[in-house]
Amino acid sequence: MKTIAVLELQKKIKETVDEAQKDRVVITRQGKPAAVMVGVEGQDWESVVLETDPGFWRLISKRRKEPTISFRELRSRINGKI
């Protein structure tokens, strides 16, 4: 993972964006991490938006805590309604 200072980023934005397509780039301010640049070139825009939406991840986290059923039970429920 590459690290670049904000001041250096201003001079090398194109190169850094290109680098971010291969691996994340940590952007530092006064020597401390301030942001992470992640390349999304070639990815579906909707997927990028969902992957970075905190509300979406809260929903996923909530759903993962809910009870689940087995595939066999699901099939049984579906067959009972057909």
N, C-alpha and C. Protein backbone atom coordinates (compact mmCIF):
# COMPACT_ATOMS: atom_id res chain seq x y z
N MET A 1 0.84 -1.17 0.00
CA MET A 1 0.00 0.00 0.00
C MET A 1 0.89 1.24 0.00
N LYS A 2 0.60 2.13 -0.90
CA LYS A 2 1.40 3.36 -1.04
C LYS A 2 0.87 4.44 -0.10
N THR A 3 1.75 5.31 0.32
CA THR A 3 1.40 6.45 1.15
C THR A 3 1.91 7.70 0.47
N ILE A 4 1.08 8.76 0.50
CA ILE A 4 1.49 10.02 -0.11
C ILE A 4 0.96 11.18 0.74
N ALA A 5 1.78 12.21 0.88
CA ALA A 5 1.37 13.40 1.62
C ALA A 5 0.46 14.27 0.76
N VAL A 6 -0.43 15.00 1.40
CA VAL A 6 -1.37 15.87 0.69
C VAL A 6 -0.64 16.81 -0.26
N LEU A 7 0.42 17.42 0.19
CA LEU A 7 1.15 18.37 -0.66
C LEU A 7 1.73 17.69 -1.89
N GLU A 8 2.23 16.46 -1.72
CA GLU A 8 2.78 15.71 -2.84
C GLU A 8 1.66 15.26 -3.78
N LEU A 9 0.51 14.92 -3.19
CA LEU A 9 -0.64 14.50 -3.99
C LEU A 9 -1.07 15.60 -4.96
N GLN A 10 -1.01 16.83 -4.52
CA GLN A 10 -1.39 17.95 -5.38
C GLN A 10 -0.51 18.01 -6.63
N LYS A 11 0.73 17.59 -6.50
CA LYS A 11 1.66 17.61 -7.62
C LYS A 11 1.55 16.36 -8.49
N LYS A 12 1.10 15.24 -7.90
CA LYS A 12 1.10 13.96 -8.60
C LYS A 12 -0.28 13.29 -8.60
N ILE A 13 -1.31 14.07 -8.82
CA ILE A 13 -2.66 13.51 -8.73
C ILE A 13 -2.90 12.42 -9.77
N LYS A 14 -2.50 12.65 -11.02
CA LYS A 14 -2.75 11.65 -12.07
C LYS A 14 -2.05 10.34 -11.75
N GLU A 15 -0.78 10.41 -11.36
CA GLU A 15 -0.03 9.20 -11.04
C GLU A 15 -0.64 8.47 -9.84
N THR A 16 -1.11 9.24 -8.87
CA THR A 16 -1.69 8.64 -7.67
C THR A 16 -3.03 7.97 -7.98
N VAL A 17 -3.85 8.58 -8.84
CA VAL A 17 -5.10 7.97 -9.25
C VAL A 17 -4.81 6.67 -10.00
N ASP A 18 -3.81 6.69 -10.85
CA ASP A 18 -3.42 5.46 -11.57
C ASP A 18 -2.97 4.38 -10.58
N GLU A 19 -2.20 4.77 -9.60
CA GLU A 19 -1.72 3.83 -8.59
C GLU A 19 -2.89 3.26 -7.78
N ALA A 20 -3.89 4.09 -7.50
CA ALA A 20 -5.04 3.66 -6.71
C ALA A 20 -5.87 2.59 -7.42
N GLN A 21 -5.72 2.48 -8.74
CA GLN A 21 -6.42 1.42 -9.48
C GLN A 21 -5.84 0.05 -9.16
N LYS A 22 -4.59 0.03 -8.71
CA LYS A 22 -3.90 -1.24 -8.39
C LYS A 22 -4.00 -1.58 -6.91
N ASP A 23 -3.89 -0.55 -6.06
CA ASP A 23 -3.89 -0.76 -4.61
C ASP A 23 -4.31 0.54 -3.94
N ARG A 24 -4.82 0.43 -2.74
CA ARG A 24 -5.23 1.63 -2.01
C ARG A 24 -4.03 2.54 -1.76
N VAL A 25 -4.32 3.83 -1.71
CA VAL A 25 -3.27 4.82 -1.43
C VAL A 25 -3.70 5.61 -0.20
N VAL A 26 -2.86 5.59 0.83
CA VAL A 26 -3.15 6.34 2.05
C VAL A 26 -2.61 7.75 1.86
N ILE A 27 -3.47 8.73 2.11
CA ILE A 27 -3.09 10.14 1.99
C ILE A 27 -2.88 10.67 3.40
N THR A 28 -1.70 11.25 3.61
CA THR A 28 -1.38 11.75 4.95
C THR A 28 -1.38 13.27 4.99
N ARG A 29 -1.67 13.76 6.18
CA ARG A 29 -1.59 15.20 6.43
C ARG A 29 -0.77 15.35 7.70
N GLN A 30 0.32 16.07 7.62
CA GLN A 30 1.24 16.26 8.73
C GLN A 30 1.70 14.91 9.29
N GLY A 31 1.94 13.96 8.36
CA GLY A 31 2.47 12.66 8.73
C GLY A 31 1.46 11.66 9.28
N LYS A 32 0.18 12.06 9.37
CA LYS A 32 -0.85 11.17 9.91
C LYS A 32 -1.86 10.83 8.82
N PRO A 33 -2.36 9.60 8.80
CA PRO A 33 -3.36 9.22 7.79
C PRO A 33 -4.58 10.13 7.85
N ALA A 34 -5.00 10.62 6.69
CA ALA A 34 -6.16 11.52 6.61
C ALA A 34 -7.26 10.96 5.71
N ALA A 35 -6.87 10.15 4.73
CA ALA A 35 -7.85 9.60 3.79
C ALA A 35 -7.23 8.41 3.07
N VAL A 36 -8.08 7.65 2.41
CA VAL A 36 -7.63 6.53 1.60
C VAL A 36 -8.25 6.69 0.21
N MET A 37 -7.41 6.60 -0.80
CA MET A 37 -7.88 6.67 -2.18
C MET A 37 -8.01 5.25 -2.70
N VAL A 38 -9.20 4.94 -3.23
CA VAL A 38 -9.48 3.60 -3.74
C VAL A 38 -9.89 3.74 -5.20
N GLY A 39 -9.22 3.03 -6.07
CA GLY A 39 -9.56 3.07 -7.49
C GLY A 39 -10.86 2.33 -7.76
N VAL A 40 -11.70 2.90 -8.61
CA VAL A 40 -12.98 2.28 -8.95
C VAL A 40 -13.17 2.16 -10.46
N GLU A 41 -12.12 2.42 -11.19
CA GLU A 41 -12.18 2.38 -12.65
C GLU A 41 -12.65 0.99 -13.11
N GLY A 42 -13.64 0.98 -13.99
CA GLY A 42 -14.15 -0.26 -14.55
C GLY A 42 -15.20 -0.94 -13.69
N GLN A 43 -15.52 -0.38 -12.53
CA GLN A 43 -16.54 -0.96 -11.68
C GLN A 43 -17.90 -0.33 -11.97
N ASP A 44 -18.94 -1.08 -11.66
CA ASP A 44 -20.30 -0.58 -11.80
C ASP A 44 -20.55 0.54 -10.79
N TRP A 45 -21.08 1.66 -11.26
CA TRP A 45 -21.28 2.84 -10.40
C TRP A 45 -22.20 2.53 -9.22
N GLU A 46 -23.29 1.79 -9.45
CA GLU A 46 -24.21 1.45 -8.36
C GLU A 46 -23.51 0.65 -7.28
N SER A 47 -22.66 -0.28 -7.67
CA SER A 47 -21.92 -1.08 -6.69
C SER A 47 -20.98 -0.20 -5.88
N VAL A 48 -20.31 0.72 -6.53
CA VAL A 48 -19.39 1.63 -5.82
C VAL A 48 -20.16 2.44 -4.79
N VAL A 49 -21.32 2.96 -5.18
CA VAL A 49 -22.12 3.77 -4.26
C VAL A 49 -22.56 2.93 -3.05
N LEU A 50 -23.06 1.72 -3.30
CA LEU A 50 -23.51 0.87 -2.20
C LEU A 50 -22.35 0.47 -1.29
N GLU A 51 -21.22 0.13 -1.88
CA GLU A 51 -20.07 -0.32 -1.09
C GLU A 51 -19.53 0.76 -0.16
N THR A 52 -19.82 2.00 -0.47
CA THR A 52 -19.30 3.11 0.34
C THR A 52 -20.38 3.81 1.15
N ASP A 53 -21.59 3.27 1.15
CA ASP A 53 -22.72 3.88 1.86
C ASP A 53 -22.84 3.31 3.28
N PRO A 54 -22.61 4.12 4.31
CA PRO A 54 -22.71 3.62 5.69
C PRO A 54 -24.11 3.08 6.01
N GLY A 55 -25.15 3.67 5.46
CA GLY A 55 -26.51 3.20 5.69
C GLY A 55 -26.72 1.80 5.17
N PHE A 56 -26.16 1.50 4.02
CA PHE A 56 -26.24 0.17 3.44
C PHE A 56 -25.58 -0.85 4.36
N TRP A 57 -24.40 -0.51 4.90
CA TRP A 57 -23.68 -1.44 5.77
C TRP A 57 -24.37 -1.60 7.12
N ARG A 58 -25.06 -0.56 7.60
CA ARG A 58 -25.86 -0.71 8.82
C ARG A 58 -27.00 -1.70 8.58
N LEU A 59 -27.64 -1.58 7.41
CA LEU A 59 -28.71 -2.50 7.03
C LEU A 59 -28.20 -3.94 6.95
N ILE A 60 -27.05 -4.14 6.32
CA ILE A 60 -26.46 -5.47 6.20
C ILE A 60 -26.14 -6.02 7.59
N SER A 61 -25.55 -5.21 8.44
CA SER A 61 -25.20 -5.64 9.79
C SER A 61 -26.44 -6.05 10.57
N LYS A 62 -27.49 -5.25 10.47
CA LYS A 62 -28.75 -5.56 11.15
C LYS A 62 -29.31 -6.88 10.63
N ARG A 63 -29.31 -7.06 9.33
CA ARG A 63 -29.86 -8.28 8.74
C ARG A 63 -29.07 -9.51 9.16
N ARG A 64 -27.77 -9.39 9.27
CA ARG A 64 -26.94 -10.53 9.66
C ARG A 64 -27.22 -10.99 11.09
N LYS A 65 -27.79 -10.13 11.91
CA LYS A 65 -28.12 -10.49 13.29
C LYS A 65 -29.49 -11.16 13.40
N GLU A 66 -30.28 -11.10 12.34
CA GLU A 66 -31.61 -11.71 12.35
C GLU A 66 -31.49 -13.22 12.17
N PRO A 67 -32.50 -13.94 12.68
CA PRO A 67 -32.46 -15.40 12.52
C PRO A 67 -32.55 -15.81 11.05
N THR A 68 -31.98 -16.97 10.75
CA THR A 68 -32.01 -17.48 9.39
C THR A 68 -32.69 -18.84 9.37
N ILE A 69 -33.00 -19.33 8.16
CA ILE A 69 -33.57 -20.66 8.01
C ILE A 69 -32.70 -21.45 7.03
N SER A 70 -32.79 -22.75 7.11
CA SER A 70 -32.01 -23.59 6.22
C SER A 70 -32.63 -23.58 4.83
N PHE A 71 -31.84 -24.01 3.85
CA PHE A 71 -32.34 -24.12 2.49
C PHE A 71 -33.48 -25.14 2.42
N ARG A 72 -33.34 -26.22 3.16
CA ARG A 72 -34.38 -27.26 3.20
C ARG A 72 -35.70 -26.69 3.71
N GLU A 73 -35.64 -25.89 4.77
CA GLU A 73 -36.86 -25.27 5.31
C GLU A 73 -37.45 -24.28 4.31
N LEU A 74 -36.59 -23.50 3.65
CA LEU A 74 -37.06 -22.56 2.64
C LEU A 74 -37.79 -23.30 1.52
N ARG A 75 -37.18 -24.37 1.03
CA ARG A 75 -37.80 -25.15 -0.04
C ARG A 75 -39.14 -25.72 0.42
N SER A 76 -39.19 -26.18 1.66
CA SER A 76 -40.43 -26.72 2.20
C SER A 76 -41.52 -25.65 2.24
N ARG A 77 -41.17 -24.46 2.66
CA ARG A 77 -42.14 -23.35 2.71
C ARG A 77 -42.63 -23.00 1.31
N ILE A 78 -41.72 -22.97 0.36
CA ILE A 78 -42.09 -22.62 -1.02
C ILE A 78 -42.99 -23.69 -1.61
N ASN A 79 -42.62 -24.95 -1.43
CA ASN A 79 -43.42 -26.04 -1.97
C ASN A 79 -44.81 -26.08 -1.35
N GLY A 80 -44.91 -25.68 -0.11
CA GLY A 80 -46.22 -25.65 0.57
C GLY A 80 -47.14 -24.59 0.02
N LYS A 81 -46.58 -23.56 -0.66
CA LYS A 81 -47.39 -22.45 -1.17
C LYS A 81 -47.67 -22.59 -2.66
N ILE A 82 -47.08 -23.58 -3.29
CA ILE A 82 -47.26 -23.74 -4.75
C ILE A 82 -48.44 -24.62 -5.02
